[in-house]
């Protein structure tokens, strides 16, 4: 009789009892007789009666939603982009999320909020801005706008990343032409700077030569020239070579008779 009672208890526990494990990066929401418990279930093993209670698990780790969406620009163009939405669910909000949004909360609230935010923000910028350094500003503005609408619902948007920006064909060609023109302008400016520097160098060099010649000219007085001529006569007189000297008494002119 005692063995039968123990066996009955084991069978009853097996039939009427169940267990689930809530792992790290998850949170559990308990619903008993249709009523949701306001306290979330944290990591660990949880026992429950499967006939009266259900436990819904929600991820609290960072999730990534990949979306391909058109971005309207300020000038009325449409830019295609692949977008990553990085978000996480705040565990303490899990019971309210299950109660008000259900498990399909991405389709119910996150994606609609994103599409509204991205349309509002991208319309403030020109299409070319989405392909330049201003992309980070656009991403931050979308993130901030989403946070205003999702924070009180229990979601934290970590980042919005614009990837694979595809501009209209005509605009892409115009941007490439502009970049090429800017590069040509920079090359020409470099050449002009080099020429200006060379011209400046030549001007400085010519000024130095002119000043040097001026100094020499100012120093060549008649007395100095006569003194240099006397020195030249003196050197010629001491030379052993035969020579004919024609002079006006100021400057010597030597004729070498050996040269034929």
Protein backbone atom coordinates (compact mmCIF):
# COMPACT_ATOMS: atom_id res chain seq x y z
CA UNK A 1 0.00 0.00 0.00
CA UNK A 2 2.83 2.40 0.89
CA UNK A 3 4.65 1.69 -2.37
CA UNK A 4 1.49 2.33 -4.32
CA UNK A 5 1.03 5.72 -2.61
CA UNK A 6 4.62 6.76 -3.44
CA UNK A 7 4.17 5.68 -7.03
CA UNK A 8 0.91 7.65 -7.23
CA UNK A 9 2.65 10.76 -5.90
CA UNK A 10 5.47 10.43 -8.44
CA UNK A 11 2.97 9.96 -11.28
CA UNK A 12 0.91 12.95 -10.08
CA UNK A 13 4.01 15.14 -9.87
CA UNK A 14 5.02 14.06 -13.36
CA UNK A 15 1.57 14.72 -14.83
CA UNK A 16 0.63 17.87 -12.97
CA UNK A 17 4.06 19.45 -12.57
CA UNK A 18 6.63 20.78 -15.03
CA UNK A 19 9.96 22.63 -15.00
CA UNK A 20 11.70 25.11 -17.27
CA UNK A 21 15.15 26.70 -17.20
CA UNK A 22 15.60 30.41 -17.75
CA UNK A 23 19.12 30.92 -19.08
CA UNK A 24 21.41 33.90 -18.98
CA UNK A 25 20.28 36.57 -21.42
CA UNK A 26 16.63 35.64 -20.85
CA UNK A 27 13.80 36.64 -18.57
CA UNK A 28 10.61 34.73 -17.81
CA UNK A 29 7.02 35.94 -17.54
CA UNK A 30 4.63 33.79 -15.56
CA UNK A 31 0.93 33.61 -16.44
CA UNK A 32 -1.36 31.70 -14.03
CA UNK A 33 -5.08 31.26 -14.77
CA UNK A 34 -4.75 33.96 -17.42
CA UNK A 35 -3.22 36.51 -15.06
CA UNK A 36 0.34 37.74 -15.62
CA UNK A 37 2.62 38.00 -12.62
CA UNK A 38 4.08 41.53 -12.31
CA UNK A 39 7.44 40.12 -11.21
CA UNK A 40 9.72 38.77 -13.96
CA UNK A 41 11.47 35.44 -13.45
CA UNK A 42 15.25 35.67 -13.55
CA UNK A 43 17.85 33.01 -14.47
CA UNK A 44 17.43 29.54 -12.99
CA UNK A 45 15.16 26.50 -12.94
CA UNK A 46 11.46 27.23 -12.45
CA UNK A 47 8.74 24.71 -11.61
CA UNK A 48 5.11 25.26 -12.60
CA UNK A 49 1.82 23.48 -13.21
CA UNK A 50 1.42 23.17 -16.98
CA UNK A 51 -2.38 22.95 -16.70
CA UNK A 52 -2.76 26.32 -14.95
CA UNK A 53 0.48 28.18 -15.66
CA UNK A 54 2.65 29.11 -18.61
CA UNK A 55 6.08 30.74 -18.61
CA UNK A 56 7.02 32.90 -21.55
CA UNK A 57 10.73 33.55 -22.16
CA UNK A 58 11.99 36.80 -23.65
CA UNK A 59 15.60 37.61 -24.61
CA UNK A 60 17.35 40.43 -22.73
CA UNK A 61 20.61 40.20 -24.70
CA UNK A 62 21.35 42.59 -27.55
CA UNK A 63 19.23 41.79 -30.62
CA UNK A 64 19.86 42.84 -34.22
CA UNK A 65 17.11 43.59 -36.73
CA UNK A 66 18.23 43.87 -40.36
CA UNK A 67 15.97 46.10 -42.44
CA UNK A 68 16.21 47.23 -46.06
CA UNK A 69 14.36 50.50 -46.35
CA UNK A 70 14.11 53.56 -48.63
CA UNK A 71 15.32 56.83 -47.13
CA UNK A 72 13.61 59.98 -48.43
CA UNK A 73 16.03 62.89 -48.78
CA UNK A 74 15.56 66.63 -48.39
CA UNK A 75 15.55 67.23 -52.16
CA UNK A 76 12.92 64.52 -52.73
CA UNK A 77 15.20 61.69 -53.84
CA UNK A 78 15.01 58.14 -52.51
CA UNK A 79 18.12 56.44 -51.15
CA UNK A 80 18.14 52.70 -50.55
CA UNK A 81 19.91 51.43 -47.45
CA UNK A 82 20.38 48.31 -45.36
CA UNK A 83 19.92 49.23 -41.70
CA UNK A 84 20.85 47.38 -38.53
CA UNK A 85 18.85 48.16 -35.39
CA UNK A 86 20.64 47.05 -32.24
CA UNK A 87 18.36 46.97 -29.21
CA UNK A 88 17.72 45.09 -26.02
CA UNK A 89 14.73 44.45 -23.80
CA UNK A 90 14.82 45.69 -20.21
CA UNK A 91 14.02 42.66 -18.02
CA UNK A 92 11.85 44.47 -15.46
CA UNK A 93 9.47 45.55 -18.26
CA UNK A 94 8.98 42.00 -19.55
CA UNK A 95 5.56 41.38 -17.88
CA UNK A 96 4.13 44.62 -19.31
CA UNK A 97 5.59 43.86 -22.75
CA UNK A 98 3.94 40.41 -22.82
CA UNK A 99 0.67 41.88 -21.54
CA UNK A 100 0.44 44.86 -23.92
CA UNK A 101 2.49 43.81 -26.96
CA UNK A 102 2.89 40.04 -26.87
CA UNK A 103 5.95 38.14 -28.06
CA UNK A 104 5.80 39.65 -31.54
CA UNK A 105 6.84 43.08 -30.24
CA UNK A 106 9.37 43.67 -33.04
CA UNK A 107 6.65 43.79 -35.68
CA UNK A 108 4.15 45.50 -33.36
CA UNK A 109 6.20 48.44 -32.11
CA UNK A 110 9.95 48.46 -32.86
CA UNK A 111 9.81 48.37 -36.66
CA UNK A 112 6.93 50.86 -36.98
CA UNK A 113 8.75 53.28 -34.66
CA UNK A 114 11.93 52.82 -36.67
CA UNK A 115 10.24 53.49 -40.03
CA UNK A 116 8.64 56.63 -38.66
CA UNK A 117 11.90 57.87 -37.15
CA UNK A 118 14.03 57.14 -40.21
CA UNK A 119 11.59 58.91 -42.53
CA UNK A 120 11.48 61.96 -40.24
CA UNK A 121 15.26 62.22 -39.82
CA UNK A 122 16.42 61.40 -43.36
CA UNK A 123 14.07 64.04 -44.80
CA UNK A 124 16.19 66.71 -43.04
CA UNK A 125 19.34 65.79 -45.01
CA UNK A 126 20.39 65.87 -48.63
CA UNK A 127 21.00 62.52 -50.31
CA UNK A 128 24.73 63.17 -50.61
CA UNK A 129 24.94 63.67 -46.82
CA UNK A 130 23.97 60.02 -46.28
CA UNK A 131 27.09 58.99 -48.19
CA UNK A 132 29.51 61.27 -46.34
CA UNK A 133 30.70 61.92 -42.80
CA UNK A 134 27.25 63.18 -41.80
CA UNK A 135 25.96 59.60 -41.83
CA UNK A 136 26.90 59.23 -38.15
CA UNK A 137 24.76 62.27 -37.30
CA UNK A 138 21.80 60.72 -39.12
CA UNK A 139 22.27 57.42 -37.28
CA UNK A 140 22.43 59.19 -33.90
CA UNK A 141 19.34 61.28 -34.66
CA UNK A 142 17.32 58.15 -35.60
CA UNK A 143 18.51 56.40 -32.44
CA UNK A 144 17.53 59.33 -30.21
CA UNK A 145 14.09 59.64 -31.79
CA UNK A 146 13.44 55.92 -31.36
CA UNK A 147 14.56 56.06 -27.73
CA UNK A 148 12.02 58.79 -26.97
CA UNK A 149 9.22 56.47 -28.07
CA UNK A 150 10.54 53.11 -26.88
CA UNK A 151 12.25 53.84 -23.56
CA UNK A 152 9.04 53.89 -21.53
CA UNK A 153 7.91 50.69 -23.23
CA UNK A 154 10.93 48.80 -21.91
CA UNK A 155 13.31 48.85 -24.88
CA UNK A 156 16.78 50.35 -25.14
CA UNK A 157 18.07 51.20 -28.62
CA UNK A 158 21.85 50.77 -28.56
CA UNK A 159 22.57 51.88 -32.12
CA UNK A 160 21.13 52.40 -35.59
CA UNK A 161 23.63 51.63 -38.35
CA UNK A 162 23.13 52.68 -41.97
CA UNK A 163 24.85 50.22 -44.30
CA UNK A 164 25.12 49.74 -48.05
CA UNK A 165 23.92 53.22 -48.98
CA UNK A 166 22.78 53.15 -52.63
CA UNK A 167 22.35 56.62 -54.13
CA UNK A 168 20.40 57.30 -57.34
CA UNK A 169 22.59 56.70 -60.41
CA UNK A 170 22.59 60.34 -61.53
CA UNK A 171 23.52 61.61 -58.10
CA UNK A 172 26.33 59.08 -57.78
CA UNK A 173 27.82 60.29 -61.08
CA UNK A 174 27.48 63.91 -59.96
CA UNK A 175 29.26 63.20 -56.66
CA UNK A 176 32.06 61.34 -58.46
CA UNK A 177 32.48 64.24 -60.90
CA UNK A 178 32.56 66.71 -58.03
CA UNK A 179 35.18 64.68 -56.15
CA UNK A 180 37.28 64.40 -59.30
CA UNK A 181 37.02 68.16 -59.86
CA UNK A 182 38.03 68.81 -56.26
CA UNK A 183 41.05 66.52 -56.66
CA UNK A 184 42.05 68.31 -59.88
CA UNK A 185 41.70 71.64 -58.09
CA UNK A 186 43.87 70.43 -55.24
CA UNK A 187 46.53 69.19 -57.69
CA UNK A 188 46.49 72.53 -59.51
CA UNK A 189 46.74 74.41 -56.23
CA UNK A 190 49.77 72.29 -55.36
CA UNK A 191 51.41 73.11 -58.70
CA UNK A 192 50.68 76.82 -58.27
CA UNK A 193 52.09 76.81 -54.75
CA UNK A 194 55.23 75.15 -56.05
CA UNK A 195 55.58 77.71 -58.84
CA UNK A 196 55.04 80.56 -56.39
CA UNK A 197 57.71 79.19 -54.11
CA UNK A 198 60.12 78.82 -57.05
CA UNK A 199 59.40 82.39 -58.19
CA UNK A 200 59.98 83.61 -54.66
CA UNK A 201 63.29 81.73 -54.55
CA UNK A 202 64.43 83.27 -57.82
CA UNK A 203 63.43 86.73 -56.64
CA UNK A 204 65.46 86.31 -53.48
CA UNK A 205 68.42 85.00 -55.48
CA UNK A 206 68.27 87.91 -57.96
CA UNK A 207 67.99 90.40 -55.11
CA UNK A 208 71.09 88.90 -53.51
CA UNK A 209 73.08 89.11 -56.77
CA UNK A 210 71.95 92.69 -57.33
CA UNK A 211 72.88 93.74 -53.82
CA UNK A 212 76.25 91.99 -54.16
CA UNK A 213 77.02 93.75 -57.44
CA UNK A 214 75.93 97.06 -55.99
CA UNK A 215 78.29 96.63 -53.07
CA UNK A 216 81.16 95.70 -55.40
CA UNK A 217 80.42 98.64 -57.72
CA UNK A 218 80.32 101.08 -54.84
CA UNK A 219 83.69 99.79 -53.64
CA UNK A 220 85.47 100.18 -57.02
CA UNK A 221 86.77 103.74 -56.63
CA UNK A 222 89.34 105.21 -59.12
CA UNK A 223 92.09 104.94 -56.52
CA UNK A 224 91.30 101.28 -55.92
CA UNK A 225 91.34 100.55 -59.66
CA UNK A 226 94.70 102.36 -60.03
CA UNK A 227 96.08 100.40 -57.07
CA UNK A 228 94.99 97.10 -58.63
CA UNK A 229 96.64 98.15 -61.93
CA UNK A 230 99.93 98.86 -60.14
CA UNK A 231 99.75 95.44 -58.53
CA UNK A 232 99.19 93.88 -61.94
CA UNK A 233 102.21 95.80 -63.43
CA UNK A 234 104.33 94.59 -60.53
CA UNK A 235 103.39 90.97 -61.08
CA UNK A 236 104.02 91.23 -64.81
CA UNK A 237 107.44 92.77 -64.28
CA UNK A 238 108.57 89.87 -62.17
CA UNK A 239 107.43 87.29 -64.71
CA UNK A 240 110.33 85.54 -66.64
CA UNK A 241 108.28 85.24 -69.82
CA UNK A 242 108.88 87.61 -72.73
CA UNK A 243 105.93 89.89 -73.23
CA UNK A 244 104.85 93.20 -74.64
CA UNK A 245 102.82 95.46 -72.36
CA UNK A 246 100.67 98.23 -73.80
CA UNK A 247 99.25 100.50 -71.16
CA UNK A 248 97.45 103.75 -70.69
CA UNK A 249 98.99 103.91 -67.23
CA UNK A 250 95.66 102.80 -65.81
CA UNK A 251 95.22 99.23 -67.04
CA UNK A 252 97.76 96.87 -68.56
CA UNK A 253 97.20 94.94 -71.77
CA UNK A 254 99.57 92.05 -72.27
CA UNK A 255 100.49 90.58 -75.65
CA UNK A 256 102.33 87.26 -75.61
CA UNK A 257 104.68 87.14 -78.63
CA UNK A 258 105.00 83.37 -78.31
CA UNK A 259 101.40 82.93 -79.42
CA UNK A 260 101.15 82.74 -83.19
